[in-house]
C-alpha atoms as a PDB file:
ATOM      1  CA  MET A   1      22.646 -55.625 -28.956  1.00  0.00           C
ATOM      2  CA  THR A   2      19.641 -56.025 -31.270  1.00  0.00           C
ATOM      3  CA  MET A   3      21.943 -55.662 -34.292  1.00  0.00           C
ATOM      4  CA  ALA A   4      24.045 -58.619 -33.082  1.00  0.00           C
ATOM      5  CA  ILE A   5      20.934 -60.724 -32.576  1.00  0.00           C
ATOM      6  CA  SER A   6      19.687 -59.777 -36.046  1.00  0.00           C
ATOM      7  CA  VAL A   7      23.019 -60.752 -37.600  1.00  0.00           C
ATOM      8  CA  LEU A   8      23.083 -64.092 -35.777  1.00  0.00           C
ATOM      9  CA  LEU A   9      19.501 -64.798 -36.750  1.00  0.00           C
ATOM     10  CA  GLY A  10      20.276 -63.920 -40.365  1.00  0.00           C
ATOM     11  CA  LEU A  11      23.323 -66.199 -40.404  1.00  0.00           C
ATOM     12  CA  GLY A  12      21.275 -68.974 -38.873  1.00  0.00           C
ATOM     13  CA  LEU A  13      18.647 -68.656 -41.586  1.00  0.00           C
ATOM     14  CA  VAL A  14      21.283 -68.697 -44.320  1.00  0.00           C
ATOM     15  CA  VAL A  15      22.895 -71.844 -42.880  1.00  0.00           C
ATOM     16  CA  TRP A  16      19.486 -73.507 -42.520  1.00  0.00           C
ATOM     17  CA  ALA A  17      18.557 -72.639 -46.115  1.00  0.00           C
ATOM     18  CA  MET A  18      21.839 -74.011 -47.475  1.00  0.00           C
ATOM     19  CA  MET A  19      21.894 -77.265 -45.483  1.00  0.00           C
ATOM     20  CA  PRO A  20      20.281 -79.359 -48.259  1.00  0.00           C
ATOM     21  CA  LEU A  21      23.114 -78.357 -50.592  1.00  0.00           C
ATOM     22  CA  PHE A  22      25.667 -80.024 -48.337  1.00  0.00           C
ATOM     23  CA  LYS A  23      23.829 -83.276 -47.700  1.00  0.00           C
ATOM     24  CA  LYS A  24      25.055 -86.399 -49.417  1.00  0.00           C
ATOM     25  CA  MET A  25      23.383 -86.837 -52.760  1.00  0.00           C
ATOM     26  CA  GLY A  26      22.190 -90.076 -54.270  1.00  0.00           C
ATOM     27  CA  PHE A  27      19.756 -92.892 -53.720  1.00  0.00           C
ATOM     28  CA  TRP A  28      22.219 -95.026 -51.701  1.00  0.00           C
ATOM     29  CA  VAL A  29      21.950 -92.639 -48.785  1.00  0.00           C
ATOM     30  CA  THR A  30      18.174 -92.910 -48.735  1.00  0.00           C
ATOM     31  CA  LEU A  31      18.324 -96.709 -48.758  1.00  0.00           C
ATOM     32  CA  ASP A  32      20.676 -96.707 -45.786  1.00  0.00           C
ATOM     33  CA  ASP A  33      18.564 -94.088 -44.027  1.00  0.00           C
ATOM     34  CA  GLN A  34      15.459 -96.235 -44.414  1.00  0.00           C
ATOM     35  CA  ILE A  35      17.147 -99.259 -42.836  1.00  0.00           C
ATOM     36  CA  ASN A  36      18.664 -97.139 -40.054  1.00  0.00           C
ATOM     37  CA  ALA A  37      15.247 -95.652 -39.241  1.00  0.00           C
ATOM     38  CA  LEU A  38      13.763 -99.141 -39.031  1.00  0.00           C
ATOM     39  CA  GLU A  39      16.612-100.288 -36.769  1.00  0.00           C
ATOM     40  CA  ASP A  40      15.986 -97.300 -34.477  1.00  0.00           C
ATOM     41  CA  HIS A  41      12.280 -98.113 -34.371  1.00  0.00           C
ATOM     42  CA  LYS A  42      13.077-101.736 -33.494  1.00  0.00           C
ATOM     43  CA  GLN A  43      15.320-100.643 -30.613  1.00  0.00           C
ATOM     44  CA  ARG A  44      12.580 -98.332 -29.273  1.00  0.00           C
ATOM     45  CA  VAL A  45      10.040-101.160 -29.337  1.00  0.00           C
ATOM     46  CA  TYR A  46      12.475-103.504 -27.564  1.00  0.00           C
ATOM     47  CA  ARG A  47      13.086-100.852 -24.888  1.00  0.00           C
ATOM     48  CA  ASN A  48       9.340-100.457 -24.466  1.00  0.00           C
ATOM     49  CA  ILE A  49       8.978-104.207 -23.919  1.00  0.00           C
ATOM     50  CA  THR A  50      11.810-104.160 -21.385  1.00  0.00           C
ATOM     51  CA  ASP A  51      10.230-101.215 -19.549  1.00  0.00           C
ATOM     52  CA  LEU A  52       6.861-102.970 -19.597  1.00  0.00           C
ATOM     53  CA  ASP A  53       8.394-106.119 -18.079  1.00  0.00           C
ATOM     54  CA  PHE A  54      10.004-104.013 -15.362  1.00  0.00           C
ATOM     55  CA  ASP A  55       6.744-102.180 -14.603  1.00  0.00           C
ATOM     56  CA  PHE A  56       4.893-105.491 -14.329  1.00  0.00           C
ATOM     57  CA  ALA A  57       7.580-106.945 -12.053  1.00  0.00           C
ATOM     58  CA  MET A  58       7.254-103.864  -9.815  1.00  0.00           C
ATOM     59  CA  GLY A  59       3.494-104.405  -9.570  1.00  0.00           C
ATOM     60  CA  ARG A  60       2.502-101.290 -11.519  1.00  0.00           C
ATOM     61  CA  LEU A  61       0.392-103.219 -14.069  1.00  0.00           C
ATOM     62  CA  SER A  62      -2.333-105.837 -13.802  1.00  0.00           C
ATOM     63  CA  GLN A  63      -1.879-109.173 -15.549  1.00  0.00           C
ATOM     64  CA  GLU A  64      -4.537-108.307 -18.175  1.00  0.00           C
ATOM     65  CA  ASP A  65      -2.947-104.946 -19.021  1.00  0.00           C
ATOM     66  CA  PHE A  66       0.511-106.485 -19.141  1.00  0.00           C
ATOM     67  CA  ASP A  67      -0.592-109.279 -21.492  1.00  0.00           C
ATOM     68  CA  ARG A  68      -2.519-106.914 -23.781  1.00  0.00           C
ATOM     69  CA  ILE A  69       0.242-104.275 -24.039  1.00  0.00           C
ATOM     70  CA  ARG A  70       3.041-106.835 -24.380  1.00  0.00           C
ATOM     71  CA  LYS A  71       1.166-108.521 -27.226  1.00  0.00           C
ATOM     72  CA  GLN A  72       0.812-105.150 -29.009  1.00  0.00           C
ATOM     73  CA  PHE A  73       4.527-104.416 -28.623  1.00  0.00           C
ATOM     74  CA  THR A  74       5.470-107.925 -29.756  1.00  0.00           C
ATOM     75  CA  VAL A  75       3.317-107.601 -32.895  1.00  0.00           C
ATOM     76  CA  GLU A  76       4.849-104.195 -33.617  1.00  0.00           C
ATOM     77  CA  ALA A  77       8.372-105.585 -33.133  1.00  0.00           C
ATOM     78  CA  GLY A  78       7.571-108.431 -35.520  1.00  0.00           C
ATOM     79  CA  LYS A  79       6.353-106.009 -38.183  1.00  0.00           C
ATOM     80  CA  VAL A  80       9.459-103.855 -37.853  1.00  0.00           C
ATOM     81  CA  VAL A  81      11.792-106.866 -38.043  1.00  0.00           C
ATOM     82  CA  GLN A  82       9.900-108.089 -41.103  1.00  0.00           C
ATOM     83  CA  LYS A  83      10.303-104.675 -42.775  1.00  0.00           C
ATOM     84  CA  ILE A  84      14.032-104.730 -42.020  1.00  0.00           C
ATOM     85  CA  GLU A  85      14.427-108.216 -43.487  1.00  0.00           C
ATOM     86  CA  THR A  86      12.403-107.237 -46.551  1.00  0.00           C
ATOM     87  CA  ALA A  87      14.516-104.116 -47.038  1.00  0.00           C
ATOM     88  CA  ARG A  88      17.693-106.176 -46.876  1.00  0.00           C
ATOM     89  CA  SER A  89      16.469-108.963 -49.143  1.00  0.00           C
ATOM     90  CA  GLY A  90      15.255-109.247 -52.713  1.00  0.00           C
ATOM     91  CA  GLU A  91      12.996-106.227 -52.685  1.00  0.00           C
ATOM     92  CA  MET A  92      15.954-104.058 -51.765  1.00  0.00           C
ATOM     93  CA  LYS A  93      17.978-105.628 -54.553  1.00  0.00           C
ATOM     94  CA  ALA A  94      15.150-104.938 -57.001  1.00  0.00           C
ATOM     95  CA  ARG A  95      14.955-101.342 -55.823  1.00  0.00           C
ATOM     96  CA  ILE A  96      18.707-100.915 -56.236  1.00  0.00           C
ATOM     97  CA  ASP A  97      18.515-102.438 -59.723  1.00  0.00           C
ATOM     98  CA  ARG A  98      15.719-100.007 -60.677  1.00  0.00           C
ATOM     99  CA  ASP A  99      17.718 -97.073 -59.338  1.00  0.00           C
ATOM    100  CA  LEU A 100      20.832 -98.184 -61.214  1.00  0.00           C
ATOM    101  CA  GLU A 101      18.825 -98.555 -64.414  1.00  0.00           C
ATOM    102  CA  ARG A 102      17.534 -94.989 -64.016  1.00  0.00           C
ATOM    103  CA  VAL A 103      21.082 -93.736 -63.566  1.00  0.00           C
ATOM    104  CA  MET A 104      22.237 -95.656 -66.630  1.00  0.00           C
ATOM    105  CA  GLN A 105      19.357 -94.235 -68.695  1.00  0.00           C
ATOM    106  CA  LYS A 106      20.488 -90.747 -67.761  1.00  0.00           C
ATOM    107  CA  GLN A 107      24.071 -91.547 -68.772  1.00  0.00           C
ATOM    108  CA  ARG A 108      23.260 -93.254 -72.099  1.00  0.00           C
ATOM    109  CA  PRO A 109      22.427 -90.028 -73.975  1.00  0.00           C
ATOM    110  CA  LEU A 110      25.717 -88.535 -72.785  1.00  0.00           C
ATOM    111  CA  ALA A 111      27.662 -91.540 -74.067  1.00  0.00           C
ATOM    112  CA  GLU A 112      25.801 -91.493 -77.389  1.00  0.00           C
ATOM    113  CA  LYS A 113      26.420 -87.779 -77.739  1.00  0.00           C
ATOM    114  CA  LYS A 114      30.133 -88.296 -77.079  1.00  0.00           C
ATOM    115  CA  GLU A 115      30.255 -91.073 -79.698  1.00  0.00           C
ATOM    116  CA  LYS A 116      28.798 -88.666 -82.258  1.00  0.00           C
ATOM    117  CA  MET A 117      31.357 -85.998 -81.311  1.00  0.00           C
ATOM    118  CA  VAL A 118      34.379 -88.248 -81.928  1.00  0.00           C
ATOM    119  CA  LYS A 119      35.527 -90.758 -84.488  1.00  0.00           C
ATOM    120  CA  PHE A 120      38.155 -93.417 -84.240  1.00  0.00           C
ATOM    121  CA  CYS A 121      40.936 -94.082 -86.695  1.00  0.00           C
ATOM    122  CA  THR A 122      40.686 -97.439 -88.466  1.00  0.00           C
ATOM    123  CA  GLU A 123      44.479 -97.714 -88.632  1.00  0.00           C
ATOM    124  CA  CYS A 124      45.661 -96.845 -85.129  1.00  0.00           C
ATOM    125  CA  GLY A 125      42.399 -96.641 -83.151  1.00  0.00           C
ATOM    126  CA  ALA A 126      43.093 -93.102 -81.912  1.00  0.00           C
ATOM    127  CA  GLU A 127      40.169 -90.901 -80.875  1.00  0.00           C
ATOM    128  CA  ASN A 128      39.703 -87.834 -83.077  1.00  0.00           C
ATOM    129  CA  PRO A 129      37.212 -84.945 -83.247  1.00  0.00           C
ATOM    130  CA  ALA A 130      34.191 -85.687 -85.460  1.00  0.00           C
ATOM    131  CA  ALA A 131      35.109 -82.848 -87.849  1.00  0.00           C
ATOM    132  CA  ALA A 132      38.688 -84.102 -88.392  1.00  0.00           C
ATOM    133  CA  LYS A 133      39.635 -85.079 -91.939  1.00  0.00           C
ATOM    134  CA  PHE A 134      42.900 -86.803 -90.905  1.00  0.00           C
ATOM    135  CA  CYS A 135      43.896 -88.829 -87.832  1.00  0.00           C
ATOM    136  CA  GLN A 136      45.772 -86.686 -85.320  1.00  0.00           C
ATOM    137  CA  ASN A 137      47.905 -89.651 -84.322  1.00  0.00           C
ATOM    138  CA  CYS A 138      48.943 -91.353 -87.564  1.00  0.00           C
ATOM    139  CA  GLY A 139      47.744 -88.954 -90.295  1.00  0.00           C
ATOM    140  CA  GLU A 140      45.408 -91.488 -91.986  1.00  0.00           C
ATOM    141  CA  ALA A 141      42.685 -89.796 -94.058  1.00  0.00           C
ATOM    142  CA  PHE A 142      39.100 -90.320 -92.965  1.00  0.00           C
ATOM    143  CA  ALA A 143      36.582 -91.314 -95.636  1.00  0.00           C
END
């Protein structure tokens, strides 16, 4: 019995340790996750306002408490909506552009390295290894 529990616990730990390897990679996921988290927060605040209205209608809150708490929730909702709009507007575009530029900077050395590893024939335009003395396609001699 304890052996089975040990095996299950061990498997659980292995799965937990490997979970990050199976998550989607890339910055696009994090951008979507940020907006989704803000949307969830907005829905929670709206539910809180609805619950507060119900509690006040049922006579569970005084007018002063209702006004004070509702104002706090309304301010919080406004901040969350503003963050969502900001994330979807120009700042998000700027962040995406920065992320794309970083990706392109990582890929530039690979492209430059590939260009150094090949040469193109001036006659037919075929791609050849950098060490080739003749074009593999048309046989033209390289200078």
